[in-house]
């Protein structure tokens, strides 16, 4: 065989493969159009019956019949879509009725699947249709190695109040990236009573490596019962813990909070001092105004900025302190006072938050 014959064979093979690829694309498009033509009327029927049921004009059994006619993935999508639009008591009745549906049992059984997307489908379904009987299954999904699965599962805390589930989610919280951690925190807040009791226990463990992240979360909750535990951590050896305590105490107006923040405002670490200044501004206790005025001369720029912004929360007294610093002898304080006084009200509202 000559080189020309070989090239001809290669060209023919490539032509056949290209033709096969084009046929596959056309067939795939055709199958998808057929599936859409078959499923769209069913999806519209589900939308209609869900709307009537939400208004009290249809029975839950009609909803179950229409959901069973859809492919499982579309049925789960419909449930997720409608979960936020239906009152809680009616939705709980639907979730209870779904336990006996064959396709719902199939979705639940996929929690043990070796394919993560099947486990994700189970997590999405349970996030809107979980019952107390699903607790063991949810615990396993919360500890799933795939991030999409356990992120979807944490939403079930809104439906199932369980100390075991809240504990599992709280244990995972310190290991997450900041954005995902914020989402977890939002879900955990919905199990507030259970979570507060768990946090009270965890915050007492001063050697816990996750203490800084747990302190940050405790600050997000702004639960008065946590104030005493947070104040007790103001002298912790870890600077990150002290930073989170300084940030959190701004949401707890109390003499002990002001005393702790006054100490933290003199901390050796500048992030601690900066957060303490921010929180003192949020509390706006007149006795701390001289402290913030003095902090305008701090060696670190961020501390000076936070102190200047905090002074704007003291009203006319804080503004007078800034005006005095603007004509004072200290160059750093003078520059910061000029910067803060030149900000617009919108910029102050954004930066001082």
C-alpha atoms as a PDB file:
ATOM      1  CA  UNK A   1       0.000   0.000   0.000  1.00  0.00           C
ATOM      2  CA  UNK A   2       1.397   3.372  -1.003  1.00  0.00           C
ATOM      3  CA  UNK A   3       1.281   6.502   1.110  1.00  0.00           C
ATOM      4  CA  UNK A   4      -1.444   7.867  -1.180  1.00  0.00           C
ATOM      5  CA  UNK A   5      -3.650   4.807  -0.552  1.00  0.00           C
ATOM      6  CA  UNK A   6      -3.071   5.144   3.198  1.00  0.00           C
ATOM      7  CA  UNK A   7      -4.100   8.806   3.171  1.00  0.00           C
ATOM      8  CA  UNK A   8      -7.207   7.928   1.166  1.00  0.00           C
ATOM      9  CA  UNK A   9      -8.224   5.323   3.760  1.00  0.00           C
ATOM     10  CA  UNK A  10      -7.641   7.803   6.575  1.00  0.00           C
ATOM     11  CA  UNK A  11      -9.744  10.417   4.793  1.00  0.00           C
ATOM     12  CA  UNK A  12     -12.569   7.908   4.268  1.00  0.00           C
ATOM     13  CA  UNK A  13     -12.503   6.876   7.932  1.00  0.00           C
ATOM     14  CA  UNK A  14     -12.572  10.509   9.044  1.00  0.00           C
ATOM     15  CA  UNK A  15     -15.447  11.183   6.663  1.00  0.00           C
ATOM     16  CA  UNK A  16     -17.425   8.261   8.088  1.00  0.00           C
ATOM     17  CA  UNK A  17     -16.733   9.404  11.654  1.00  0.00           C
ATOM     18  CA  UNK A  18     -17.778  12.957  10.806  1.00  0.00           C
ATOM     19  CA  UNK A  19     -20.994  11.727   9.202  1.00  0.00           C
ATOM     20  CA  UNK A  20     -21.676   9.553  12.259  1.00  0.00           C
ATOM     21  CA  UNK A  21     -21.121  12.555  14.525  1.00  0.00           C
ATOM     22  CA  UNK A  22     -23.538  14.688  12.509  1.00  0.00           C
ATOM     23  CA  UNK A  23     -26.145  11.913  12.594  1.00  0.00           C
ATOM     24  CA  UNK A  24     -25.677  11.584  16.363  1.00  0.00           C
ATOM     25  CA  UNK A  25     -26.169  15.339  16.839  1.00  0.00           C
ATOM     26  CA  UNK A  26     -29.313  15.313  14.714  1.00  0.00           C
ATOM     27  CA  UNK A  27     -30.725  12.272  16.519  1.00  0.00           C
ATOM     28  CA  UNK A  28     -29.938  13.748  19.927  1.00  0.00           C
ATOM     29  CA  UNK A  29     -31.713  16.960  18.947  1.00  0.00           C
ATOM     30  CA  UNK A  30     -34.668  14.980  17.628  1.00  0.00           C
ATOM     31  CA  UNK A  31     -34.969  12.898  20.806  1.00  0.00           C
ATOM     32  CA  UNK A  32     -34.781  16.018  22.961  1.00  0.00           C
ATOM     33  CA  UNK A  33     -37.497  17.742  20.950  1.00  0.00           C
ATOM     34  CA  UNK A  34     -39.700  14.667  21.216  1.00  0.00           C
ATOM     35  CA  UNK A  35     -39.118  14.452  24.949  1.00  0.00           C
ATOM     36  CA  UNK A  36     -39.914  18.143  25.341  1.00  0.00           C
ATOM     37  CA  UNK A  37     -43.075  17.818  23.281  1.00  0.00           C
ATOM     38  CA  UNK A  38     -44.137  14.921  25.514  1.00  0.00           C
ATOM     39  CA  UNK A  39     -43.142  16.488  28.852  1.00  0.00           C
ATOM     40  CA  UNK A  40     -44.183  20.123  28.368  1.00  0.00           C
ATOM     41  CA  UNK A  41     -47.958  19.473  28.584  1.00  0.00           C
ATOM     42  CA  UNK A  42     -47.378  17.394  31.736  1.00  0.00           C
ATOM     43  CA  UNK A  43     -45.231  20.099  33.285  1.00  0.00           C
ATOM     44  CA  UNK A  44     -47.887  22.707  32.514  1.00  0.00           C
ATOM     45  CA  UNK A  45     -50.515  20.427  34.038  1.00  0.00           C
ATOM     46  CA  UNK A  46     -48.444  20.177  37.224  1.00  0.00           C
ATOM     47  CA  UNK A  47     -48.047  23.958  37.343  1.00  0.00           C
ATOM     48  CA  UNK A  48     -51.803  24.399  36.989  1.00  0.00           C
ATOM     49  CA  UNK A  49     -52.747  21.851  39.624  1.00  0.00           C
ATOM     50  CA  UNK A  50     -50.094  23.145  42.052  1.00  0.00           C
ATOM     51  CA  UNK A  51     -51.480  26.649  41.668  1.00  0.00           C
ATOM     52  CA  UNK A  52     -55.035  25.478  42.330  1.00  0.00           C
ATOM     53  CA  UNK A  53     -53.871  23.387  45.295  1.00  0.00           C
ATOM     54  CA  UNK A  54     -51.966  26.338  46.790  1.00  0.00           C
ATOM     55  CA  UNK A  55     -55.202  28.339  46.605  1.00  0.00           C
ATOM     56  CA  UNK A  56     -57.160  25.522  48.235  1.00  0.00           C
ATOM     57  CA  UNK A  57     -59.047  24.654  45.048  1.00  0.00           C
ATOM     58  CA  UNK A  58     -57.599  21.155  44.478  1.00  0.00           C
ATOM     59  CA  UNK A  59     -56.951  18.051  46.540  1.00  0.00           C
ATOM     60  CA  UNK A  60     -53.426  16.862  47.347  1.00  0.00           C
ATOM     61  CA  UNK A  61     -54.170  13.532  45.651  1.00  0.00           C
ATOM     62  CA  UNK A  62     -54.580  15.339  42.320  1.00  0.00           C
ATOM     63  CA  UNK A  63     -51.163  16.901  42.826  1.00  0.00           C
ATOM     64  CA  UNK A  64     -49.610  13.487  43.484  1.00  0.00           C
ATOM     65  CA  UNK A  65     -51.165  12.043  40.322  1.00  0.00           C
ATOM     66  CA  UNK A  66     -49.798  14.839  38.147  1.00  0.00           C
ATOM     67  CA  UNK A  67     -46.333  14.654  39.721  1.00  0.00           C
ATOM     68  CA  UNK A  68     -46.182  10.906  39.083  1.00  0.00           C
ATOM     69  CA  UNK A  69     -46.721  11.523  35.356  1.00  0.00           C
ATOM     70  CA  UNK A  70     -43.540  13.588  35.115  1.00  0.00           C
ATOM     71  CA  UNK A  71     -40.010  12.212  34.786  1.00  0.00           C
ATOM     72  CA  UNK A  72     -38.441  12.062  38.243  1.00  0.00           C
ATOM     73  CA  UNK A  73     -35.985  14.906  37.618  1.00  0.00           C
ATOM     74  CA  UNK A  74     -38.782  17.223  36.450  1.00  0.00           C
ATOM     75  CA  UNK A  75     -40.971  16.247  39.403  1.00  0.00           C
ATOM     76  CA  UNK A  76     -38.145  17.186  41.784  1.00  0.00           C
ATOM     77  CA  UNK A  77     -37.663  20.493  39.927  1.00  0.00           C
ATOM     78  CA  UNK A  78     -41.372  21.257  40.261  1.00  0.00           C
ATOM     79  CA  UNK A  79     -41.328  20.547  43.984  1.00  0.00           C
ATOM     80  CA  UNK A  80     -38.268  22.736  44.560  1.00  0.00           C
ATOM     81  CA  UNK A  81     -39.831  25.521  42.512  1.00  0.00           C
ATOM     82  CA  UNK A  82     -43.136  25.494  44.432  1.00  0.00           C
ATOM     83  CA  UNK A  83     -41.798  24.882  47.939  1.00  0.00           C
ATOM     84  CA  UNK A  84     -41.378  28.579  48.698  1.00  0.00           C
ATOM     85  CA  UNK A  85     -44.813  29.524  47.337  1.00  0.00           C
ATOM     86  CA  UNK A  86     -47.009  27.222  49.399  1.00  0.00           C
ATOM     87  CA  UNK A  87     -47.866  27.764  53.104  1.00  0.00           C
ATOM     88  CA  UNK A  88     -45.898  25.557  55.500  1.00  0.00           C
ATOM     89  CA  UNK A  89     -48.791  23.492  56.885  1.00  0.00           C
ATOM     90  CA  UNK A  90     -50.078  22.600  53.422  1.00  0.00           C
ATOM     91  CA  UNK A  91     -46.569  21.750  52.257  1.00  0.00           C
ATOM     92  CA  UNK A  92     -46.024  19.447  55.238  1.00  0.00           C
ATOM     93  CA  UNK A  93     -49.146  17.524  54.265  1.00  0.00           C
ATOM     94  CA  UNK A  94     -47.787  17.123  50.744  1.00  0.00           C
ATOM     95  CA  UNK A  95     -44.397  15.970  52.070  1.00  0.00           C
ATOM     96  CA  UNK A  96     -46.124  13.363  54.235  1.00  0.00           C
ATOM     97  CA  UNK A  97     -48.195  12.126  51.293  1.00  0.00           C
ATOM     98  CA  UNK A  98     -45.086  11.848  49.086  1.00  0.00           C
ATOM     99  CA  UNK A  99     -43.604   9.224  51.415  1.00  0.00           C
ATOM    100  CA  UNK A 100     -45.953   6.640  49.903  1.00  0.00           C
ATOM    101  CA  UNK A 101     -45.301   7.479  46.233  1.00  0.00           C
ATOM    102  CA  UNK A 102     -43.220   4.935  44.304  1.00  0.00           C
ATOM    103  CA  UNK A 103     -41.080   7.526  42.540  1.00  0.00           C
ATOM    104  CA  UNK A 104     -40.380   9.348  45.807  1.00  0.00           C
ATOM    105  CA  UNK A 105     -39.206   6.076  47.373  1.00  0.00           C
ATOM    106  CA  UNK A 106     -36.931   5.608  44.363  1.00  0.00           C
ATOM    107  CA  UNK A 107     -35.449   9.073  44.832  1.00  0.00           C
ATOM    108  CA  UNK A 108     -34.859   8.403  48.523  1.00  0.00           C
ATOM    109  CA  UNK A 109     -33.091   5.117  47.750  1.00  0.00           C
ATOM    110  CA  UNK A 110     -30.624   7.005  45.535  1.00  0.00           C
ATOM    111  CA  UNK A 111     -29.016   8.445  48.676  1.00  0.00           C
ATOM    112  CA  UNK A 112     -26.818   5.317  48.598  1.00  0.00           C
ATOM    113  CA  UNK A 113     -25.974   5.647  44.917  1.00  0.00           C
ATOM    114  CA  UNK A 114     -22.346   5.618  43.824  1.00  0.00           C
ATOM    115  CA  UNK A 115     -23.111   8.445  41.359  1.00  0.00           C
ATOM    116  CA  UNK A 116     -22.971  11.858  43.013  1.00  0.00           C
ATOM    117  CA  UNK A 117     -25.616  13.400  40.741  1.00  0.00           C
ATOM    118  CA  UNK A 118     -28.127  10.805  41.917  1.00  0.00           C
ATOM    119  CA  UNK A 119     -27.300  11.643  45.529  1.00  0.00           C
ATOM    120  CA  UNK A 120     -27.678  15.313  44.642  1.00  0.00           C
ATOM    121  CA  UNK A 121     -31.156  14.654  43.263  1.00  0.00           C
ATOM    122  CA  UNK A 122     -32.037  12.942  46.552  1.00  0.00           C
ATOM    123  CA  UNK A 123     -30.668  15.895  48.520  1.00  0.00           C
ATOM    124  CA  UNK A 124     -32.676  18.384  46.438  1.00  0.00           C
ATOM    125  CA  UNK A 125     -35.845  16.332  46.890  1.00  0.00           C
ATOM    126  CA  UNK A 126     -35.343  15.996  50.645  1.00  0.00           C
ATOM    127  CA  UNK A 127     -34.595  19.708  50.979  1.00  0.00           C
ATOM    128  CA  UNK A 128     -38.291  20.331  50.291  1.00  0.00           C
ATOM    129  CA  UNK A 129     -39.965  17.005  51.144  1.00  0.00           C
ATOM    130  CA  UNK A 130     -38.030  15.586  54.101  1.00  0.00           C
ATOM    131  CA  UNK A 131     -39.851  14.154  57.109  1.00  0.00           C
ATOM    132  CA  UNK A 132     -38.475  13.171  60.552  1.00  0.00           C
ATOM    133  CA  UNK A 133     -38.138   9.613  59.258  1.00  0.00           C
ATOM    134  CA  UNK A 134     -35.419  10.794  56.851  1.00  0.00           C
ATOM    135  CA  UNK A 135     -33.036  11.875  59.630  1.00  0.00           C
ATOM    136  CA  UNK A 136     -30.578   8.973  59.237  1.00  0.00           C
ATOM    137  CA  UNK A 137     -30.493   9.425  55.457  1.00  0.00           C
ATOM    138  CA  UNK A 138     -29.952  13.174  55.837  1.00  0.00           C
ATOM    139  CA  UNK A 139     -27.083  12.659  58.261  1.00  0.00           C
ATOM    140  CA  UNK A 140     -25.311  10.558  55.661  1.00  0.00           C
ATOM    141  CA  UNK A 141     -25.908  13.151  52.946  1.00  0.00           C
ATOM    142  CA  UNK A 142     -24.675  15.980  55.186  1.00  0.00           C
ATOM    143  CA  UNK A 143     -21.376  14.108  55.477  1.00  0.00           C
ATOM    144  CA  UNK A 144     -21.225  13.363  51.739  1.00  0.00           C
ATOM    145  CA  UNK A 145     -17.752  13.943  50.220  1.00  0.00           C
ATOM    146  CA  UNK A 146     -19.189  15.806  47.224  1.00  0.00           C
ATOM    147  CA  UNK A 147     -19.746  19.500  48.057  1.00  0.00           C
ATOM    148  CA  UNK A 148     -22.856  19.897  45.897  1.00  0.00           C
ATOM    149  CA  UNK A 149     -24.599  17.104  47.805  1.00  0.00           C
ATOM    150  CA  UNK A 150     -24.012  18.330  51.335  1.00  0.00           C
ATOM    151  CA  UNK A 151     -24.682  21.966  50.346  1.00  0.00           C
ATOM    152  CA  UNK A 152     -28.078  20.939  48.972  1.00  0.00           C
ATOM    153  CA  UNK A 153     -28.784  18.775  52.021  1.00  0.00           C
ATOM    154  CA  UNK A 154     -28.279  21.530  54.600  1.00  0.00           C
ATOM    155  CA  UNK A 155     -31.461  23.210  53.322  1.00  0.00           C
ATOM    156  CA  UNK A 156     -33.443  20.391  54.966  1.00  0.00           C
ATOM    157  CA  UNK A 157     -32.835  22.060  58.331  1.00  0.00           C
ATOM    158  CA  UNK A 158     -35.693  24.351  57.377  1.00  0.00           C
ATOM    159  CA  UNK A 159     -38.042  21.340  57.131  1.00  0.00           C
ATOM    160  CA  UNK A 160     -36.783  18.944  59.798  1.00  0.00           C
ATOM    161  CA  UNK A 161     -35.887  20.199  63.268  1.00  0.00           C
ATOM    162  CA  UNK A 162     -33.283  17.783  64.560  1.00  0.00           C
ATOM    163  CA  UNK A 163     -30.438  18.265  67.013  1.00  0.00           C
ATOM    164  CA  UNK A 164     -28.455  15.546  65.229  1.00  0.00           C
ATOM    165  CA  UNK A 165     -28.736  17.306  61.862  1.00  0.00           C
ATOM    166  CA  UNK A 166     -27.905  20.719  63.321  1.00  0.00           C
ATOM    167  CA  UNK A 167     -24.864  19.221  65.073  1.00  0.00           C
ATOM    168  CA  UNK A 168     -23.620  17.603  61.855  1.00  0.00           C
ATOM    169  CA  UNK A 169     -24.033  20.863  59.923  1.00  0.00           C
ATOM    170  CA  UNK A 170     -22.350  22.888  62.664  1.00  0.00           C
ATOM    171  CA  UNK A 171     -19.394  20.479  62.710  1.00  0.00           C
ATOM    172  CA  UNK A 172     -18.955  20.969  58.973  1.00  0.00           C
ATOM    173  CA  UNK A 173     -19.232  24.764  59.128  1.00  0.00           C
ATOM    174  CA  UNK A 174     -15.561  25.521  60.039  1.00  0.00           C
ATOM    175  CA  UNK A 175     -14.287  23.408  57.130  1.00  0.00           C
ATOM    176  CA  UNK A 176     -16.115  25.353  54.415  1.00  0.00           C
ATOM    177  CA  UNK A 177     -15.084  28.183  52.122  1.00  0.00           C
ATOM    178  CA  UNK A 178     -16.368  31.613  53.268  1.00  0.00           C
ATOM    179  CA  UNK A 179     -19.177  31.850  50.687  1.00  0.00           C
ATOM    180  CA  UNK A 180     -20.464  28.350  51.398  1.00  0.00           C
ATOM    181  CA  UNK A 181     -20.032  28.973  55.123  1.00  0.00           C
ATOM    182  CA  UNK A 182     -22.316  32.019  54.857  1.00  0.00           C
ATOM    183  CA  UNK A 183     -24.977  29.868  53.153  1.00  0.00           C
ATOM    184  CA  UNK A 184     -24.645  27.192  55.842  1.00  0.00           C
ATOM    185  CA  UNK A 185     -24.966  29.888  58.488  1.00  0.00           C
ATOM    186  CA  UNK A 186     -28.187  31.101  56.885  1.00  0.00           C
ATOM    187  CA  UNK A 187     -29.639  27.600  56.991  1.00  0.00           C
ATOM    188  CA  UNK A 188     -28.474  26.967  60.552  1.00  0.00           C
ATOM    189  CA  UNK A 189     -30.163  30.151  61.746  1.00  0.00           C
ATOM    190  CA  UNK A 190     -33.501  28.518  60.947  1.00  0.00           C
ATOM    191  CA  UNK A 191     -32.803  25.910  63.646  1.00  0.00           C
ATOM    192  CA  UNK A 192     -31.991  28.701  66.060  1.00  0.00           C
ATOM    193  CA  UNK A 193     -33.056  27.106  69.356  1.00  0.00           C
ATOM    194  CA  UNK A 194     -31.048  23.922  68.798  1.00  0.00           C
ATOM    195  CA  UNK A 195     -28.045  25.734  67.326  1.00  0.00           C
ATOM    196  CA  UNK A 196     -27.764  28.195  70.221  1.00  0.00           C
ATOM    197  CA  UNK A 197     -27.551  25.340  72.733  1.00  0.00           C
ATOM    198  CA  UNK A 198     -24.884  23.617  70.633  1.00  0.00           C
ATOM    199  CA  UNK A 199     -22.885  26.835  70.344  1.00  0.00           C
ATOM    200  CA  UNK A 200     -23.007  27.449  74.076  1.00  0.00           C
ATOM    201  CA  UNK A 201     -21.308  24.080  74.519  1.00  0.00           C
ATOM    202  CA  UNK A 202     -18.757  24.529  71.721  1.00  0.00           C
ATOM    203  CA  UNK A 203     -17.735  28.061  72.755  1.00  0.00           C
ATOM    204  CA  UNK A 204     -16.652  26.741  76.153  1.00  0.00           C
ATOM    205  CA  UNK A 205     -13.997  24.556  74.496  1.00  0.00           C
ATOM    206  CA  UNK A 206     -11.191  27.101  74.359  1.00  0.00           C
ATOM    207  CA  UNK A 207      -8.812  24.598  72.718  1.00  0.00           C
ATOM    208  CA  UNK A 208     -11.180  23.889  69.806  1.00  0.00           C
ATOM    209  CA  UNK A 209      -9.308  24.561  66.508  1.00  0.00           C
ATOM    210  CA  UNK A 210     -12.610  25.657  64.945  1.00  0.00           C
ATOM    211  CA  UNK A 211     -13.294  28.229  67.663  1.00  0.00           C
ATOM    212  CA  UNK A 212     -12.653  31.281  65.460  1.00  0.00           C
ATOM    213  CA  UNK A 213     -15.179  30.194  62.826  1.00  0.00           C
ATOM    214  CA  UNK A 214     -17.721  29.239  65.480  1.00  0.00           C
ATOM    215  CA  UNK A 215     -17.261  32.636  67.131  1.00  0.00           C
ATOM    216  CA  UNK A 216     -17.864  34.319  63.780  1.00  0.00           C
ATOM    217  CA  UNK A 217     -21.069  32.324  63.343  1.00  0.00           C
ATOM    218  CA  UNK A 218     -22.190  33.138  66.886  1.00  0.00           C
ATOM    219  CA  UNK A 219     -21.812  36.805  66.008  1.00  0.00           C
ATOM    220  CA  UNK A 220     -24.029  36.334  62.943  1.00  0.00           C
ATOM    221  CA  UNK A 221     -26.798  34.888  65.107  1.00  0.00           C
ATOM    222  CA  UNK A 222     -26.892  37.974  67.383  1.00  0.00           C
ATOM    223  CA  UNK A 223     -28.513  35.835  70.061  1.00  0.00           C
ATOM    224  CA  UNK A 224     -28.445  37.541  73.506  1.00  0.00           C
ATOM    225  CA  UNK A 225     -27.870  34.186  75.226  1.00  0.00           C
ATOM    226  CA  UNK A 226     -24.458  33.956  73.512  1.00  0.00           C
ATOM    227  CA  UNK A 227     -23.153  37.308  74.750  1.00  0.00           C
ATOM    228  CA  UNK A 228     -21.641  35.999  77.972  1.00  0.00           C
ATOM    229  CA  UNK A 229     -19.785  33.180  76.199  1.00  0.00           C
ATOM    230  CA  UNK A 230     -18.425  35.595  73.595  1.00  0.00           C
ATOM    231  CA  UNK A 231     -17.295  38.085  76.234  1.00  0.00           C
ATOM    232  CA  UNK A 232     -15.428  35.322  78.047  1.00  0.00           C
ATOM    233  CA  UNK A 233     -13.349  34.735  74.891  1.00  0.00           C
ATOM    234  CA  UNK A 234     -12.088  38.335  74.720  1.00  0.00           C
ATOM    235  CA  UNK A 235      -8.834  37.268  76.375  1.00  0.00           C
ATOM    236  CA  UNK A 236      -8.255  34.169  74.235  1.00  0.00           C
ATOM    237  CA  UNK A 237      -4.673  33.468  73.168  1.00  0.00           C
ATOM    238  CA  UNK A 238      -5.595  33.164  69.459  1.00  0.00           C
ATOM    239  CA  UNK A 239      -5.689  36.574  67.763  1.00  0.00           C
ATOM    240  CA  UNK A 240      -8.255  35.371  65.203  1.00  0.00           C
ATOM    241  CA  UNK A 241     -10.641  34.394  68.007  1.00  0.00           C
ATOM    242  CA  UNK A 242     -10.195  37.815  69.621  1.00  0.00           C
ATOM    243  CA  UNK A 243     -10.826  39.461  66.251  1.00  0.00           C
ATOM    244  CA  UNK A 244     -14.108  37.594  65.805  1.00  0.00           C
ATOM    245  CA  UNK A 245     -15.132  38.389  69.385  1.00  0.00           C
ATOM    246  CA  UNK A 246     -14.401  42.083  68.812  1.00  0.00           C
ATOM    247  CA  UNK A 247     -16.530  42.028  65.667  1.00  0.00           C
ATOM    248  CA  UNK A 248     -19.385  40.112  67.290  1.00  0.00           C
ATOM    249  CA  UNK A 249     -19.738  42.185  70.462  1.00  0.00           C
ATOM    250  CA  UNK A 250     -20.901  45.194  68.465  1.00  0.00           C
ATOM    251  CA  UNK A 251     -24.304  43.501  68.249  1.00  0.00           C
ATOM    252  CA  UNK A 252     -24.596  43.083  72.044  1.00  0.00           C
ATOM    253  CA  UNK A 253     -25.184  46.377  73.865  1.00  0.00           C
ATOM    254  CA  UNK A 254     -24.172  45.661  77.457  1.00  0.00           C
ATOM    255  CA  UNK A 255     -21.683  47.103  79.988  1.00  0.00           C
ATOM    256  CA  UNK A 256     -19.621  43.908  79.821  1.00  0.00           C
ATOM    257  CA  UNK A 257     -19.444  44.178  76.024  1.00  0.00           C
ATOM    258  CA  UNK A 258     -18.157  47.756  76.292  1.00  0.00           C
ATOM    259  CA  UNK A 259     -15.601  46.731  78.926  1.00  0.00           C
ATOM    260  CA  UNK A 260     -14.346  43.847  76.762  1.00  0.00           C
ATOM    261  CA  UNK A 261     -14.162  46.040  73.650  1.00  0.00           C
ATOM    262  CA  UNK A 262     -12.270  48.714  75.568  1.00  0.00           C
ATOM    263  CA  UNK A 263      -9.618  46.114  76.413  1.00  0.00           C
ATOM    264  CA  UNK A 264      -9.574  44.775  72.856  1.00  0.00           C
ATOM    265  CA  UNK A 265      -9.094  48.299  71.477  1.00  0.00           C
ATOM    266  CA  UNK A 266      -5.611  48.188  73.036  1.00  0.00           C
ATOM    267  CA  UNK A 267      -4.741  44.713  71.699  1.00  0.00           C
ATOM    268  CA  UNK A 268      -1.288  44.072  70.252  1.00  0.00           C
ATOM    269  CA  UNK A 269      -2.792  42.836  66.949  1.00  0.00           C
ATOM    270  CA  UNK A 270      -4.161  45.504  64.598  1.00  0.00           C
ATOM    271  CA  UNK A 271      -7.097  43.407  63.230  1.00  0.00           C
ATOM    272  CA  UNK A 272      -8.383  43.063  66.804  1.00  0.00           C
ATOM    273  CA  UNK A 273      -8.077  46.814  67.416  1.00  0.00           C
ATOM    274  CA  UNK A 274      -9.806  47.607  64.109  1.00  0.00           C
ATOM    275  CA  UNK A 275     -12.785  45.353  64.835  1.00  0.00           C
ATOM    276  CA  UNK A 276     -13.011  46.662  68.390  1.00  0.00           C
ATOM    277  CA  UNK A 277     -13.187  50.230  67.060  1.00  0.00           C
ATOM    278  CA  UNK A 278     -15.918  49.219  64.616  1.00  0.00           C
ATOM    279  CA  UNK A 279     -17.983  47.587  67.365  1.00  0.00           C
ATOM    280  CA  UNK A 280     -17.530  50.525  69.750  1.00  0.00           C
ATOM    281  CA  UNK A 281     -18.945  52.708  67.015  1.00  0.00           C
ATOM    282  CA  UNK A 282     -21.957  50.419  66.663  1.00  0.00           C
ATOM    283  CA  UNK A 283     -22.619  50.625  70.402  1.00  0.00           C
ATOM    284  CA  UNK A 284     -21.879  54.386  70.474  1.00  0.00           C
ATOM    285  CA  UNK A 285     -21.416  54.616  74.218  1.00  0.00           C
ATOM    286  CA  UNK A 286     -20.424  58.254  75.040  1.00  0.00           C
ATOM    287  CA  UNK A 287     -17.803  57.034  77.540  1.00  0.00           C
ATOM    288  CA  UNK A 288     -15.800  55.402  74.716  1.00  0.00           C
ATOM    289  CA  UNK A 289     -15.613  58.509  72.506  1.00  0.00           C
ATOM    290  CA  UNK A 290     -12.208  59.631  73.920  1.00  0.00           C
ATOM    291  CA  UNK A 291     -10.835  56.144  73.281  1.00  0.00           C
ATOM    292  CA  UNK A 292     -11.844  56.270  69.608  1.00  0.00           C
ATOM    293  CA  UNK A 293     -10.558  59.830  69.325  1.00  0.00           C
ATOM    294  CA  UNK A 294      -7.178  58.631  70.570  1.00  0.00           C
ATOM    295  CA  UNK A 295      -7.292  55.649  68.167  1.00  0.00           C
ATOM    296  CA  UNK A 296      -7.121  58.116  65.258  1.00  0.00           C
ATOM    297  CA  UNK A 297      -3.386  58.198  66.061  1.00  0.00           C
ATOM    298  CA  UNK A 298      -2.998  54.396  65.896  1.00  0.00           C
ATOM    299  CA  UNK A 299       0.093  53.212  63.939  1.00  0.00           C
ATOM    300  CA  UNK A 300      -2.074  51.101  61.608  1.00  0.00           C
ATOM    301  CA  UNK A 301      -4.117  52.781  58.852  1.00  0.00           C
ATOM    302  CA  UNK A 302      -7.037  50.343  59.100  1.00  0.00           C
ATOM    303  CA  UNK A 303      -7.449  50.992  62.814  1.00  0.00           C
ATOM    304  CA  UNK A 304      -7.456  54.741  62.171  1.00  0.00           C
ATOM    305  CA  UNK A 305     -10.057  54.298  59.425  1.00  0.00           C
ATOM    306  CA  UNK A 306     -12.323  52.144  61.601  1.00  0.00           C
ATOM    307  CA  UNK A 307     -11.994  54.632  64.445  1.00  0.00           C
ATOM    308  CA  UNK A 308     -12.869  57.560  62.199  1.00  0.00           C
ATOM    309  CA  UNK A 309     -15.899  55.763  60.803  1.00  0.00           C
ATOM    310  CA  UNK A 310     -16.951  54.757  64.323  1.00  0.00           C
ATOM    311  CA  UNK A 311     -16.870  58.383  65.446  1.00  0.00           C
ATOM    312  CA  UNK A 312     -19.466  59.284  62.788  1.00  0.00           C
ATOM    313  CA  UNK A 313     -21.970  57.144  64.709  1.00  0.00           C
ATOM    314  CA  UNK A 314     -21.728  59.413  67.769  1.00  0.00           C
ATOM    315  CA  UNK A 315     -23.619  62.240  66.111  1.00  0.00           C
ATOM    316  CA  UNK A 316     -22.472  65.802  66.704  1.00  0.00           C
ATOM    317  CA  UNK A 317     -20.036  64.761  69.461  1.00  0.00           C
ATOM    318  CA  UNK A 318     -18.240  62.400  67.072  1.00  0.00           C
ATOM    319  CA  UNK A 319     -18.172  64.990  64.308  1.00  0.00           C
ATOM    320  CA  UNK A 320     -16.690  67.544  66.704  1.00  0.00           C
ATOM    321  CA  UNK A 321     -13.981  65.019  67.616  1.00  0.00           C
ATOM    322  CA  UNK A 322     -13.148  64.578  63.930  1.00  0.00           C
ATOM    323  CA  UNK A 323     -13.078  68.320  63.361  1.00  0.00           C
ATOM    324  CA  UNK A 324     -10.705  68.699  66.294  1.00  0.00           C
ATOM    325  CA  UNK A 325      -8.440  65.982  64.878  1.00  0.00           C
ATOM    326  CA  UNK A 326      -8.525  67.658  61.452  1.00  0.00           C
ATOM    327  CA  UNK A 327      -6.756  70.716  62.848  1.00  0.00           C
ATOM    328  CA  UNK A 328      -4.663  68.823  65.402  1.00  0.00           C
ATOM    329  CA  UNK A 329      -0.920  68.312  65.508  1.00  0.00           C
ATOM    330  CA  UNK A 330      -0.878  64.590  64.618  1.00  0.00           C
ATOM    331  CA  UNK A 331      -0.466  64.136  60.861  1.00  0.00           C
ATOM    332  CA  UNK A 332      -2.019  60.640  60.739  1.00  0.00           C
ATOM    333  CA  UNK A 333      -5.096  61.701  62.722  1.00  0.00           C
ATOM    334  CA  UNK A 334      -5.427  64.869  60.649  1.00  0.00           C
ATOM    335  CA  UNK A 335      -5.361  62.985  57.345  1.00  0.00           C
ATOM    336  CA  UNK A 336      -7.845  60.354  58.519  1.00  0.00           C
ATOM    337  CA  UNK A 337     -10.253  62.948  59.920  1.00  0.00           C
ATOM    338  CA  UNK A 338     -10.120  64.837  56.620  1.00  0.00           C
ATOM    339  CA  UNK A 339     -10.789  61.617  54.691  1.00  0.00           C
ATOM    340  CA  UNK A 340     -13.776  60.595  56.820  1.00  0.00           C
ATOM    341  CA  UNK A 341     -15.315  64.085  56.905  1.00  0.00           C
ATOM    342  CA  UNK A 342     -15.116  64.211  53.115  1.00  0.00           C
ATOM    343  CA  UNK A 343     -17.158  61.043  52.590  1.00  0.00           C
ATOM    344  CA  UNK A 344     -20.753  61.289  51.379  1.00  0.00           C
ATOM    345  CA  UNK A 345     -23.568  59.930  53.569  1.00  0.00           C
ATOM    346  CA  UNK A 346     -23.958  56.987  51.166  1.00  0.00           C
ATOM    347  CA  UNK A 347     -20.249  56.152  51.387  1.00  0.00           C
ATOM    348  CA  UNK A 348     -20.339  56.429  55.185  1.00  0.00           C
ATOM    349  CA  UNK A 349     -23.306  54.057  55.344  1.00  0.00           C
ATOM    350  CA  UNK A 350     -21.455  51.517  53.202  1.00  0.00           C
ATOM    351  CA  UNK A 351     -18.001  51.759  54.820  1.00  0.00           C
ATOM    352  CA  UNK A 352     -19.205  51.945  58.414  1.00  0.00           C
ATOM    353  CA  UNK A 353     -21.342  48.780  58.149  1.00  0.00           C
END
